[in-house]
Amino acid sequence: MRRLQVAPEGAETVFTLSGPGTGDFTPGPTRGIMLVTADVDADCAKLAAAGVEVTGPDDVPWGRMAGFHDPDGNGLMLLTEKEGF
């Protein structure tokens, strides 16, 4: 999988573009929107308490992440980045 993260220096918001590695982005609901958070576990607990179906969180080489879909079918990811990554 390929990904590109874009953010101005010092920003707290990061935009991540990701795809299957071929550059082929299929039209339809957005997939791969990544939101960086300080505590993915706490945020997942809040989402689950509100009735959102959450996958994860799971440890990944770059931190800890989880996924969920919004009511429009867009796929979103929550990420707590590993220090120094």
N, C-alpha and C. Protein backbone atom coordinates (compact mmCIF):
# COMPACT_ATOMS: atom_id res chain seq x y z
N MET A 1 0.84 -1.17 0.00
CA MET A 1 0.00 0.00 0.00
C MET A 1 0.89 1.24 0.00
N ARG A 2 0.51 2.23 -0.78
CA ARG A 2 1.22 3.51 -0.80
C ARG A 2 0.44 4.51 0.03
N ARG A 3 1.16 5.48 0.62
CA ARG A 3 0.49 6.57 1.30
C ARG A 3 1.37 7.80 1.24
N LEU A 4 0.72 8.94 1.26
CA LEU A 4 1.42 10.23 1.24
C LEU A 4 0.77 11.10 2.30
N GLN A 5 1.58 11.58 3.25
CA GLN A 5 1.08 12.46 4.29
C GLN A 5 1.52 13.87 3.99
N VAL A 6 0.58 14.82 4.12
CA VAL A 6 0.85 16.21 3.82
C VAL A 6 0.38 17.07 4.99
N ALA A 7 1.26 17.95 5.47
CA ALA A 7 0.90 18.88 6.54
C ALA A 7 1.90 20.03 6.57
N PRO A 8 1.42 21.22 6.87
CA PRO A 8 2.36 22.32 7.06
C PRO A 8 3.19 22.08 8.32
N GLU A 9 4.37 22.62 8.35
CA GLU A 9 5.24 22.44 9.51
C GLU A 9 4.55 22.93 10.78
N GLY A 10 4.58 22.11 11.83
CA GLY A 10 3.97 22.47 13.10
C GLY A 10 2.47 22.24 13.17
N ALA A 11 1.87 21.73 12.09
CA ALA A 11 0.42 21.54 12.07
C ALA A 11 -0.01 20.36 12.93
N GLU A 12 -1.22 20.46 13.47
CA GLU A 12 -1.79 19.35 14.21
C GLU A 12 -2.67 18.49 13.31
N THR A 13 -2.98 18.97 12.13
CA THR A 13 -3.82 18.23 11.18
C THR A 13 -2.95 17.73 10.04
N VAL A 14 -3.08 16.45 9.73
CA VAL A 14 -2.31 15.83 8.65
C VAL A 14 -3.29 15.19 7.68
N PHE A 15 -3.13 15.45 6.40
CA PHE A 15 -3.93 14.79 5.38
C PHE A 15 -3.11 13.63 4.83
N THR A 16 -3.72 12.45 4.79
CA THR A 16 -3.05 11.27 4.27
C THR A 16 -3.82 10.75 3.06
N LEU A 17 -3.13 10.62 1.95
CA LEU A 17 -3.71 10.03 0.74
C LEU A 17 -3.16 8.62 0.64
N SER A 18 -4.04 7.65 0.46
CA SER A 18 -3.57 6.28 0.35
C SER A 18 -4.32 5.55 -0.74
N GLY A 19 -3.69 4.54 -1.26
CA GLY A 19 -4.29 3.72 -2.30
C GLY A 19 -3.71 2.33 -2.26
N PRO A 20 -4.16 1.48 -3.15
CA PRO A 20 -3.70 0.09 -3.14
C PRO A 20 -2.28 -0.08 -3.63
N GLY A 21 -1.61 0.99 -4.00
CA GLY A 21 -0.24 0.88 -4.47
C GLY A 21 -0.10 1.00 -5.97
N THR A 22 -1.22 1.08 -6.67
CA THR A 22 -1.16 1.17 -8.12
C THR A 22 -1.51 2.55 -8.63
N GLY A 23 -2.02 3.41 -7.72
CA GLY A 23 -2.46 4.74 -8.13
C GLY A 23 -3.88 4.72 -8.67
N ASP A 24 -4.56 3.57 -8.60
CA ASP A 24 -5.92 3.43 -9.11
C ASP A 24 -6.91 3.75 -7.99
N PHE A 25 -7.53 4.92 -8.04
CA PHE A 25 -8.50 5.31 -7.03
C PHE A 25 -9.90 5.16 -7.64
N THR A 26 -10.67 4.24 -7.11
CA THR A 26 -12.00 3.94 -7.61
C THR A 26 -13.00 4.97 -7.11
N PRO A 27 -13.89 5.50 -7.99
CA PRO A 27 -14.91 6.45 -7.54
C PRO A 27 -15.85 5.80 -6.53
N GLY A 28 -16.43 6.60 -5.67
CA GLY A 28 -17.36 6.12 -4.65
C GLY A 28 -17.03 6.74 -3.32
N PRO A 29 -17.51 6.11 -2.26
CA PRO A 29 -17.20 6.66 -0.93
C PRO A 29 -15.69 6.76 -0.73
N THR A 30 -15.29 7.76 0.00
CA THR A 30 -13.87 7.96 0.28
C THR A 30 -13.39 6.88 1.24
N ARG A 31 -12.18 6.42 1.00
CA ARG A 31 -11.53 5.45 1.89
C ARG A 31 -10.17 6.00 2.27
N GLY A 32 -9.74 5.68 3.46
CA GLY A 32 -8.39 6.04 3.87
C GLY A 32 -8.24 7.42 4.45
N ILE A 33 -9.33 8.07 4.90
CA ILE A 33 -9.18 9.33 5.60
C ILE A 33 -8.60 9.00 6.98
N MET A 34 -7.46 9.58 7.29
CA MET A 34 -6.79 9.26 8.54
C MET A 34 -6.78 10.48 9.46
N LEU A 35 -7.24 10.28 10.68
CA LEU A 35 -7.26 11.33 11.69
C LEU A 35 -6.28 10.93 12.79
N VAL A 36 -5.32 11.80 13.07
CA VAL A 36 -4.33 11.52 14.11
C VAL A 36 -4.89 12.01 15.44
N THR A 37 -4.78 11.18 16.46
CA THR A 37 -5.30 11.48 17.79
C THR A 37 -4.26 11.13 18.85
N ALA A 38 -4.36 11.79 19.98
CA ALA A 38 -3.43 11.51 21.07
C ALA A 38 -3.73 10.19 21.77
N ASP A 39 -5.00 9.73 21.72
CA ASP A 39 -5.39 8.51 22.44
C ASP A 39 -6.44 7.74 21.64
N VAL A 40 -5.98 6.89 20.73
CA VAL A 40 -6.89 6.15 19.86
C VAL A 40 -7.81 5.23 20.67
N ASP A 41 -7.32 4.66 21.76
CA ASP A 41 -8.14 3.75 22.56
C ASP A 41 -9.32 4.49 23.20
N ALA A 42 -9.07 5.67 23.75
CA ALA A 42 -10.15 6.45 24.36
C ALA A 42 -11.16 6.90 23.31
N ASP A 43 -10.68 7.32 22.14
CA ASP A 43 -11.59 7.75 21.08
C ASP A 43 -12.43 6.59 20.57
N CYS A 44 -11.84 5.41 20.46
CA CYS A 44 -12.60 4.23 20.02
C CYS A 44 -13.68 3.88 21.03
N ALA A 45 -13.36 3.99 22.31
CA ALA A 45 -14.35 3.72 23.35
C ALA A 45 -15.53 4.68 23.25
N LYS A 46 -15.25 5.97 22.99
CA LYS A 46 -16.32 6.96 22.84
C LYS A 46 -17.17 6.65 21.62
N LEU A 47 -16.53 6.30 20.51
CA LEU A 47 -17.28 5.96 19.29
C LEU A 47 -18.15 4.73 19.51
N ALA A 48 -17.59 3.70 20.13
CA ALA A 48 -18.35 2.47 20.38
C ALA A 48 -19.53 2.75 21.31
N ALA A 49 -19.34 3.60 22.32
CA ALA A 49 -20.43 3.96 23.23
C ALA A 49 -21.55 4.70 22.50
N ALA A 50 -21.19 5.38 21.40
CA ALA A 50 -22.19 6.10 20.60
C ALA A 50 -22.82 5.21 19.54
N GLY A 51 -22.44 3.92 19.52
CA GLY A 51 -23.04 2.98 18.58
C GLY A 51 -22.29 2.80 17.27
N VAL A 52 -21.10 3.35 17.17
CA VAL A 52 -20.30 3.21 15.95
C VAL A 52 -19.56 1.88 15.98
N GLU A 53 -19.60 1.14 14.87
CA GLU A 53 -18.85 -0.11 14.77
C GLU A 53 -17.40 0.21 14.44
N VAL A 54 -16.50 -0.11 15.36
CA VAL A 54 -15.09 0.22 15.21
C VAL A 54 -14.29 -1.07 15.04
N THR A 55 -13.35 -1.05 14.10
CA THR A 55 -12.42 -2.16 13.92
C THR A 55 -11.09 -1.76 14.55
N GLY A 56 -10.61 -2.55 15.49
CA GLY A 56 -9.37 -2.22 16.18
C GLY A 56 -9.70 -1.58 17.51
N PRO A 57 -8.75 -0.90 18.09
CA PRO A 57 -7.45 -0.52 17.56
C PRO A 57 -6.45 -1.67 17.59
N ASP A 58 -5.51 -1.58 16.66
CA ASP A 58 -4.46 -2.58 16.51
C ASP A 58 -3.11 -1.87 16.44
N ASP A 59 -2.08 -2.57 16.90
CA ASP A 59 -0.72 -2.05 16.78
C ASP A 59 -0.24 -2.24 15.35
N VAL A 60 0.37 -1.19 14.80
CA VAL A 60 0.99 -1.20 13.48
C VAL A 60 2.39 -0.64 13.64
N PRO A 61 3.28 -0.85 12.68
CA PRO A 61 4.66 -0.37 12.85
C PRO A 61 4.79 1.12 13.15
N TRP A 62 3.85 1.94 12.68
CA TRP A 62 3.95 3.39 12.85
C TRP A 62 3.09 3.91 14.01
N GLY A 63 2.43 3.00 14.77
CA GLY A 63 1.64 3.44 15.91
C GLY A 63 0.53 2.47 16.24
N ARG A 64 -0.63 3.02 16.55
CA ARG A 64 -1.81 2.22 16.91
C ARG A 64 -2.98 2.82 16.15
N MET A 65 -3.75 1.97 15.44
CA MET A 65 -4.81 2.53 14.63
C MET A 65 -6.08 1.70 14.65
N ALA A 66 -7.18 2.36 14.30
CA ALA A 66 -8.50 1.74 14.25
C ALA A 66 -9.25 2.34 13.08
N GLY A 67 -10.30 1.64 12.66
CA GLY A 67 -11.09 2.12 11.53
C GLY A 67 -12.58 2.08 11.82
N PHE A 68 -13.32 2.93 11.11
CA PHE A 68 -14.77 2.96 11.21
C PHE A 68 -15.33 3.64 9.96
N HIS A 69 -16.64 3.56 9.76
CA HIS A 69 -17.30 4.20 8.63
C HIS A 69 -18.29 5.24 9.14
N ASP A 70 -18.38 6.37 8.43
CA ASP A 70 -19.38 7.37 8.79
C ASP A 70 -20.72 6.97 8.16
N PRO A 71 -21.81 7.67 8.45
CA PRO A 71 -23.12 7.29 7.91
C PRO A 71 -23.19 7.29 6.37
N ASP A 72 -22.28 8.00 5.70
CA ASP A 72 -22.26 8.02 4.23
C ASP A 72 -21.40 6.93 3.63
N GLY A 73 -20.81 6.08 4.47
CA GLY A 73 -20.00 4.98 3.97
C GLY A 73 -18.54 5.32 3.77
N ASN A 74 -18.12 6.53 4.16
CA ASN A 74 -16.71 6.90 4.04
C ASN A 74 -15.90 6.17 5.11
N GLY A 75 -14.78 5.60 4.72
CA GLY A 75 -13.90 4.90 5.65
C GLY A 75 -12.94 5.86 6.29
N LEU A 76 -12.89 5.85 7.61
CA LEU A 76 -11.98 6.71 8.36
C LEU A 76 -11.10 5.87 9.26
N MET A 77 -9.89 6.36 9.47
CA MET A 77 -8.94 5.69 10.35
C MET A 77 -8.54 6.66 11.44
N LEU A 78 -8.37 6.14 12.64
CA LEU A 78 -7.81 6.90 13.76
C LEU A 78 -6.42 6.37 14.02
N LEU A 79 -5.46 7.25 14.23
CA LEU A 79 -4.09 6.84 14.44
C LEU A 79 -3.47 7.60 15.59
N THR A 80 -2.86 6.86 16.51
CA THR A 80 -1.96 7.45 17.48
C THR A 80 -0.57 7.04 17.02
N GLU A 81 0.21 8.03 16.60
CA GLU A 81 1.52 7.73 16.03
C GLU A 81 2.52 7.33 17.10
N LYS A 82 3.40 6.42 16.71
CA LYS A 82 4.49 5.99 17.59
C LYS A 82 5.47 7.16 17.71
N GLU A 83 5.96 7.39 18.91
CA GLU A 83 6.92 8.49 19.10
C GLU A 83 8.11 8.32 18.20
N GLY A 84 8.52 9.41 17.56
CA GLY A 84 9.69 9.41 16.71
C GLY A 84 9.46 8.85 15.32
N PHE A 85 8.22 8.51 15.01
CA PHE A 85 7.97 7.94 13.68
C PHE A 85 7.73 9.02 12.68
